[in-house]
Amino acid sequence: MKGPIDLFCKRPETAIARNKKEKLKQTNIREACDKEATARVHQYIARFWYQAGLSLIWSN
């Protein structure tokens, strides 16, 4: 069963096959995540902050 985070990450089999073709190295989190999906999530968060009228400036 896949969870919601699986939509943002590539399949491990694809990454393993790609690494075997290239030199063997461990993929980091930035290589494994889908860049377009990450950009969409950032956009949704920014829209939420804007629509909620939250301030980005914190004062002491």
PDB file of N, CA and C in Angstrom:
ATOM      1  N   MET A   1       0.840  -1.180   0.000  1.00  0.00           N
ATOM      2  CA  MET A   1       0.000   0.000   0.000  1.00  0.00           C
ATOM      3  C   MET A   1       0.887   1.245   0.000  1.00  0.00           C
ATOM      4  N   LYS A   2       0.563   2.167  -0.882  1.00  0.00           N
ATOM      5  CA  LYS A   2       1.347   3.392  -0.976  1.00  0.00           C
ATOM      6  C   LYS A   2       0.678   4.498  -0.188  1.00  0.00           C
ATOM      7  N   GLY A   3       1.490   5.345   0.379  1.00  0.00           N
ATOM      8  CA  GLY A   3       1.003   6.485   1.124  1.00  0.00           C
ATOM      9  C   GLY A   3       1.144   7.757   0.312  1.00  0.00           C
ATOM     10  N   PRO A   4       0.724   8.899   0.842  1.00  0.00           N
ATOM     11  CA  PRO A   4       0.771  10.148   0.094  1.00  0.00           C
ATOM     12  C   PRO A   4       2.190  10.617  -0.225  1.00  0.00           C
ATOM     13  N   ILE A   5       3.153  10.281   0.611  1.00  0.00           N
ATOM     14  CA  ILE A   5       4.527  10.718   0.343  1.00  0.00           C
ATOM     15  C   ILE A   5       5.118   9.991  -0.867  1.00  0.00           C
ATOM     16  N   ASP A   6       4.589   8.807  -1.180  1.00  0.00           N
ATOM     17  CA  ASP A   6       5.082   8.043  -2.319  1.00  0.00           C
ATOM     18  C   ASP A   6       4.833   8.755  -3.639  1.00  0.00           C
ATOM     19  N   LEU A   7       3.864   9.660  -3.682  1.00  0.00           N
ATOM     20  CA  LEU A   7       3.590  10.406  -4.904  1.00  0.00           C
ATOM     21  C   LEU A   7       4.720  11.370  -5.243  1.00  0.00           C
ATOM     22  N   PHE A   8       5.511  11.746  -4.239  1.00  0.00           N
ATOM     23  CA  PHE A   8       6.553  12.737  -4.448  1.00  0.00           C
ATOM     24  C   PHE A   8       7.934  12.120  -4.687  1.00  0.00           C
ATOM     25  N   CYS A   9       8.063  10.816  -4.535  1.00  0.00           N
ATOM     26  CA  CYS A   9       9.355  10.161  -4.681  1.00  0.00           C
ATOM     27  C   CYS A   9       9.329   9.169  -5.836  1.00  0.00           C
ATOM     28  N   LYS A  10      10.457   9.026  -6.465  1.00  0.00           N
ATOM     29  CA  LYS A  10      10.578   8.075  -7.564  1.00  0.00           C
ATOM     30  C   LYS A  10      10.647   6.657  -7.017  1.00  0.00           C
ATOM     31  N   ARG A  11      10.348   5.711  -7.867  1.00  0.00           N
ATOM     32  CA  ARG A  11      10.400   4.308  -7.453  1.00  0.00           C
ATOM     33  C   ARG A  11      11.845   3.906  -7.195  1.00  0.00           C
ATOM     34  N   PRO A  12      12.103   3.156  -6.118  1.00  0.00           N
ATOM     35  CA  PRO A  12      13.472   2.750  -5.796  1.00  0.00           C
ATOM     36  C   PRO A  12      14.090   1.874  -6.879  1.00  0.00           C
ATOM     37  N   GLU A  13      13.267   1.053  -7.548  1.00  0.00           N
ATOM     38  CA  GLU A  13      13.814   0.187  -8.602  1.00  0.00           C
ATOM     39  C   GLU A  13      14.413   1.021  -9.731  1.00  0.00           C
ATOM     40  N   THR A  14      13.765   2.123 -10.058  1.00  0.00           N
ATOM     41  CA  THR A  14      14.280   3.000 -11.111  1.00  0.00           C
ATOM     42  C   THR A  14      15.611   3.614 -10.700  1.00  0.00           C
ATOM     43  N   ALA A  15      15.688   4.059  -9.473  1.00  0.00           N
ATOM     44  CA  ALA A  15      16.932   4.666  -8.989  1.00  0.00           C
ATOM     45  C   ALA A  15      18.060   3.639  -8.935  1.00  0.00           C
ATOM     46  N   ILE A  16      17.751   2.421  -8.511  1.00  0.00           N
ATOM     47  CA  ILE A  16      18.770   1.370  -8.436  1.00  0.00           C
ATOM     48  C   ILE A  16      19.281   1.028  -9.825  1.00  0.00           C
ATOM     49  N   ALA A  17      18.365   0.866 -10.795  1.00  0.00           N
ATOM     50  CA  ALA A  17      18.776   0.546 -12.165  1.00  0.00           C
ATOM     51  C   ALA A  17      19.632   1.666 -12.761  1.00  0.00           C
ATOM     52  N   ARG A  18      19.256   2.905 -12.483  1.00  0.00           N
ATOM     53  CA  ARG A  18      20.031   4.040 -13.002  1.00  0.00           C
ATOM     54  C   ARG A  18      21.426   4.062 -12.404  1.00  0.00           C
ATOM     55  N   ASN A  19      21.530   3.772 -11.096  1.00  0.00           N
ATOM     56  CA  ASN A  19      22.831   3.769 -10.439  1.00  0.00           C
ATOM     57  C   ASN A  19      23.716   2.635 -10.933  1.00  0.00           C
ATOM     58  N   LYS A  20      23.118   1.510 -11.294  1.00  0.00           N
ATOM     59  CA  LYS A  20      23.915   0.402 -11.813  1.00  0.00           C
ATOM     60  C   LYS A  20      24.499   0.750 -13.171  1.00  0.00           C
ATOM     61  N   LYS A  21      23.749   1.491 -13.972  1.00  0.00           N
ATOM     62  CA  LYS A  21      24.253   1.907 -15.277  1.00  0.00           C
ATOM     63  C   LYS A  21      25.370   2.932 -15.113  1.00  0.00           C
ATOM     64  N   GLU A  22      25.179   3.825 -14.188  1.00  0.00           N
ATOM     65  CA  GLU A  22      26.204   4.826 -13.907  1.00  0.00           C
ATOM     66  C   GLU A  22      27.148   4.233 -12.863  1.00  0.00           C
ATOM     67  N   LYS A  23      27.894   5.062 -12.213  1.00  0.00           N
ATOM     68  CA  LYS A  23      28.714   4.546 -11.129  1.00  0.00           C
ATOM     69  C   LYS A  23      27.847   4.384  -9.879  1.00  0.00           C
ATOM     70  N   LEU A  24      28.202   3.452  -9.051  1.00  0.00           N
ATOM     71  CA  LEU A  24      27.405   3.166  -7.869  1.00  0.00           C
ATOM     72  C   LEU A  24      27.579   4.267  -6.838  1.00  0.00           C
ATOM     73  N   LYS A  25      26.477   4.871  -6.456  1.00  0.00           N
ATOM     74  CA  LYS A  25      26.483   5.871  -5.402  1.00  0.00           C
ATOM     75  C   LYS A  25      25.088   5.894  -4.780  1.00  0.00           C
ATOM     76  N   GLN A  26      25.030   6.311  -3.560  1.00  0.00           N
ATOM     77  CA  GLN A  26      23.760   6.375  -2.858  1.00  0.00           C
ATOM     78  C   GLN A  26      23.026   7.646  -3.262  1.00  0.00           C
ATOM     79  N   THR A  27      21.742   7.510  -3.600  1.00  0.00           N
ATOM     80  CA  THR A  27      20.979   8.703  -3.959  1.00  0.00           C
ATOM     81  C   THR A  27      20.616   9.471  -2.701  1.00  0.00           C
ATOM     82  N   ASN A  28      20.683  10.777  -2.817  1.00  0.00           N
ATOM     83  CA  ASN A  28      20.280  11.602  -1.688  1.00  0.00           C
ATOM     84  C   ASN A  28      18.818  12.006  -1.867  1.00  0.00           C
ATOM     85  N   ILE A  29      18.275  12.652  -0.891  1.00  0.00           N
ATOM     86  CA  ILE A  29      16.852  12.980  -0.897  1.00  0.00           C
ATOM     87  C   ILE A  29      16.496  13.933  -2.030  1.00  0.00           C
ATOM     88  N   ARG A  30      17.392  14.824  -2.400  1.00  0.00           N
ATOM     89  CA  ARG A  30      17.099  15.773  -3.475  1.00  0.00           C
ATOM     90  C   ARG A  30      17.033  15.085  -4.840  1.00  0.00           C
ATOM     91  N   GLU A  31      17.801  14.038  -5.046  1.00  0.00           N
ATOM     92  CA  GLU A  31      17.759  13.312  -6.310  1.00  0.00           C
ATOM     93  C   GLU A  31      16.534  12.408  -6.383  1.00  0.00           C
ATOM     94  N   ALA A  32      16.064  11.916  -5.252  1.00  0.00           N
ATOM     95  CA  ALA A  32      14.970  10.958  -5.230  1.00  0.00           C
ATOM     96  C   ALA A  32      13.602  11.626  -5.367  1.00  0.00           C
ATOM     97  N   CYS A  33      13.477  12.873  -4.982  1.00  0.00           N
ATOM     98  CA  CYS A  33      12.174  13.534  -4.999  1.00  0.00           C
ATOM     99  C   CYS A  33      11.886  14.159  -6.356  1.00  0.00           C
ATOM    100  N   ASP A  34      10.609  14.155  -6.695  1.00  0.00           N
ATOM    101  CA  ASP A  34      10.146  14.754  -7.938  1.00  0.00           C
ATOM    102  C   ASP A  34      10.147  16.272  -7.780  1.00  0.00           C
ATOM    103  N   LYS A  35      10.886  16.956  -8.604  1.00  0.00           N
ATOM    104  CA  LYS A  35      11.057  18.399  -8.464  1.00  0.00           C
ATOM    105  C   LYS A  35       9.757  19.160  -8.756  1.00  0.00           C
ATOM    106  N   GLU A  36       8.975  18.693  -9.723  1.00  0.00           N
ATOM    107  CA  GLU A  36       7.712  19.362 -10.038  1.00  0.00           C
ATOM    108  C   GLU A  36       6.723  19.216  -8.889  1.00  0.00           C
ATOM    109  N   ALA A  37       6.646  18.036  -8.302  1.00  0.00           N
ATOM    110  CA  ALA A  37       5.735  17.813  -7.184  1.00  0.00           C
ATOM    111  C   ALA A  37       6.151  18.648  -5.981  1.00  0.00           C
ATOM    112  N   THR A  38       7.438  18.756  -5.742  1.00  0.00           N
ATOM    113  CA  THR A  38       7.939  19.570  -4.638  1.00  0.00           C
ATOM    114  C   THR A  38       7.590  21.041  -4.866  1.00  0.00           C
ATOM    115  N   ALA A  39       7.717  21.511  -6.088  1.00  0.00           N
ATOM    116  CA  ALA A  39       7.379  22.899  -6.403  1.00  0.00           C
ATOM    117  C   ALA A  39       5.886  23.143  -6.187  1.00  0.00           C
ATOM    118  N   ARG A  40       5.036  22.168  -6.541  1.00  0.00           N
ATOM    119  CA  ARG A  40       3.598  22.300  -6.314  1.00  0.00           C
ATOM    120  C   ARG A  40       3.284  22.401  -4.822  1.00  0.00           C
ATOM    121  N   VAL A  41       3.937  21.579  -4.022  1.00  0.00           N
ATOM    122  CA  VAL A  41       3.715  21.622  -2.573  1.00  0.00           C
ATOM    123  C   VAL A  41       4.122  22.980  -2.020  1.00  0.00           C
ATOM    124  N   HIS A  42       5.249  23.503  -2.459  1.00  0.00           N
ATOM    125  CA  HIS A  42       5.691  24.825  -2.002  1.00  0.00           C
ATOM    126  C   HIS A  42       4.682  25.896  -2.408  1.00  0.00           C
ATOM    127  N   GLN A  43       4.118  25.761  -3.609  1.00  0.00           N
ATOM    128  CA  GLN A  43       3.134  26.722  -4.080  1.00  0.00           C
ATOM    129  C   GLN A  43       1.857  26.646  -3.244  1.00  0.00           C
ATOM    130  N   TYR A  44       1.409  25.440  -2.904  1.00  0.00           N
ATOM    131  CA  TYR A  44       0.217  25.281  -2.065  1.00  0.00           C
ATOM    132  C   TYR A  44       0.439  25.906  -0.689  1.00  0.00           C
ATOM    133  N   ILE A  45       1.611  25.706  -0.125  1.00  0.00           N
ATOM    134  CA  ILE A  45       1.918  26.280   1.188  1.00  0.00           C
ATOM    135  C   ILE A  45       1.927  27.803   1.108  1.00  0.00           C
ATOM    136  N   ALA A  46       2.533  28.341   0.071  1.00  0.00           N
ATOM    137  CA  ALA A  46       2.591  29.799  -0.094  1.00  0.00           C
ATOM    138  C   ALA A  46       1.188  30.376  -0.266  1.00  0.00           C
ATOM    139  N   ARG A  47       0.331  29.705  -1.047  1.00  0.00           N
ATOM    140  CA  ARG A  47      -1.049  30.181  -1.223  1.00  0.00           C
ATOM    141  C   ARG A  47      -1.813  30.154   0.096  1.00  0.00           C
ATOM    142  N   PHE A  48      -1.603  29.103   0.885  1.00  0.00           N
ATOM    143  CA  PHE A  48      -2.270  29.016   2.187  1.00  0.00           C
ATOM    144  C   PHE A  48      -1.875  30.199   3.063  1.00  0.00           C
ATOM    145  N   TRP A  49      -0.584  30.483   3.144  1.00  0.00           N
ATOM    146  CA  TRP A  49      -0.097  31.593   3.980  1.00  0.00           C
ATOM    147  C   TRP A  49      -0.686  32.916   3.478  1.00  0.00           C
ATOM    148  N   TYR A  50      -0.740  33.086   2.154  1.00  0.00           N
ATOM    149  CA  TYR A  50      -1.259  34.334   1.582  1.00  0.00           C
ATOM    150  C   TYR A  50      -2.750  34.468   1.866  1.00  0.00           C
ATOM    151  N   GLN A  51      -3.526  33.408   1.618  1.00  0.00           N
ATOM    152  CA  GLN A  51      -4.974  33.464   1.811  1.00  0.00           C
ATOM    153  C   GLN A  51      -5.350  33.597   3.282  1.00  0.00           C
ATOM    154  N   ALA A  52      -4.551  33.017   4.158  1.00  0.00           N
ATOM    155  CA  ALA A  52      -4.822  33.104   5.591  1.00  0.00           C
ATOM    156  C   ALA A  52      -4.376  34.450   6.161  1.00  0.00           C
ATOM    157  N   GLY A  53      -3.621  35.213   5.389  1.00  0.00           N
ATOM    158  CA  GLY A  53      -3.153  36.521   5.840  1.00  0.00           C
ATOM    159  C   GLY A  53      -2.096  36.440   6.910  1.00  0.00           C
ATOM    160  N   LEU A  54      -1.315  35.359   6.911  1.00  0.00           N
ATOM    161  CA  LEU A  54      -0.281  35.181   7.917  1.00  0.00           C
ATOM    162  C   LEU A  54       0.921  36.051   7.586  1.00  0.00           C
ATOM    163  N   SER A  55       1.496  36.624   8.591  1.00  0.00           N
ATOM    164  CA  SER A  55       2.663  37.487   8.419  1.00  0.00           C
ATOM    165  C   SER A  55       3.922  36.629   8.344  1.00  0.00           C
ATOM    166  N   LEU A  56       4.810  36.982   7.460  1.00  0.00           N
ATOM    167  CA  LEU A  56       6.082  36.269   7.347  1.00  0.00           C
ATOM    168  C   LEU A  56       7.156  36.925   8.204  1.00  0.00           C
ATOM    169  N   ILE A  57       6.827  38.024   8.856  1.00  0.00           N
ATOM    170  CA  ILE A  57       7.789  38.745   9.685  1.00  0.00           C
ATOM    171  C   ILE A  57       7.435  38.487  11.139  1.00  0.00           C
ATOM    172  N   TRP A  58       8.386  37.944  11.867  1.00  0.00           N
ATOM    173  CA  TRP A  58       8.179  37.711  13.290  1.00  0.00           C
ATOM    174  C   TRP A  58       8.940  38.781  14.060  1.00  0.00           C
ATOM    175  N   SER A  59       8.288  39.346  15.039  1.00  0.00           N
ATOM    176  CA  SER A  59       8.969  40.357  15.867  1.00  0.00           C
ATOM    177  C   SER A  59       8.976  39.887  17.309  1.00  0.00           C
ATOM    178  N   ASN A  60       9.962  40.317  18.037  1.00  0.00           N
ATOM    179  CA  ASN A  60      10.084  39.935  19.448  1.00  0.00           C
ATOM    180  C   ASN A  60       9.395  40.920  20.336  1.00  0.00           C
TER     181      ASN A  60
END
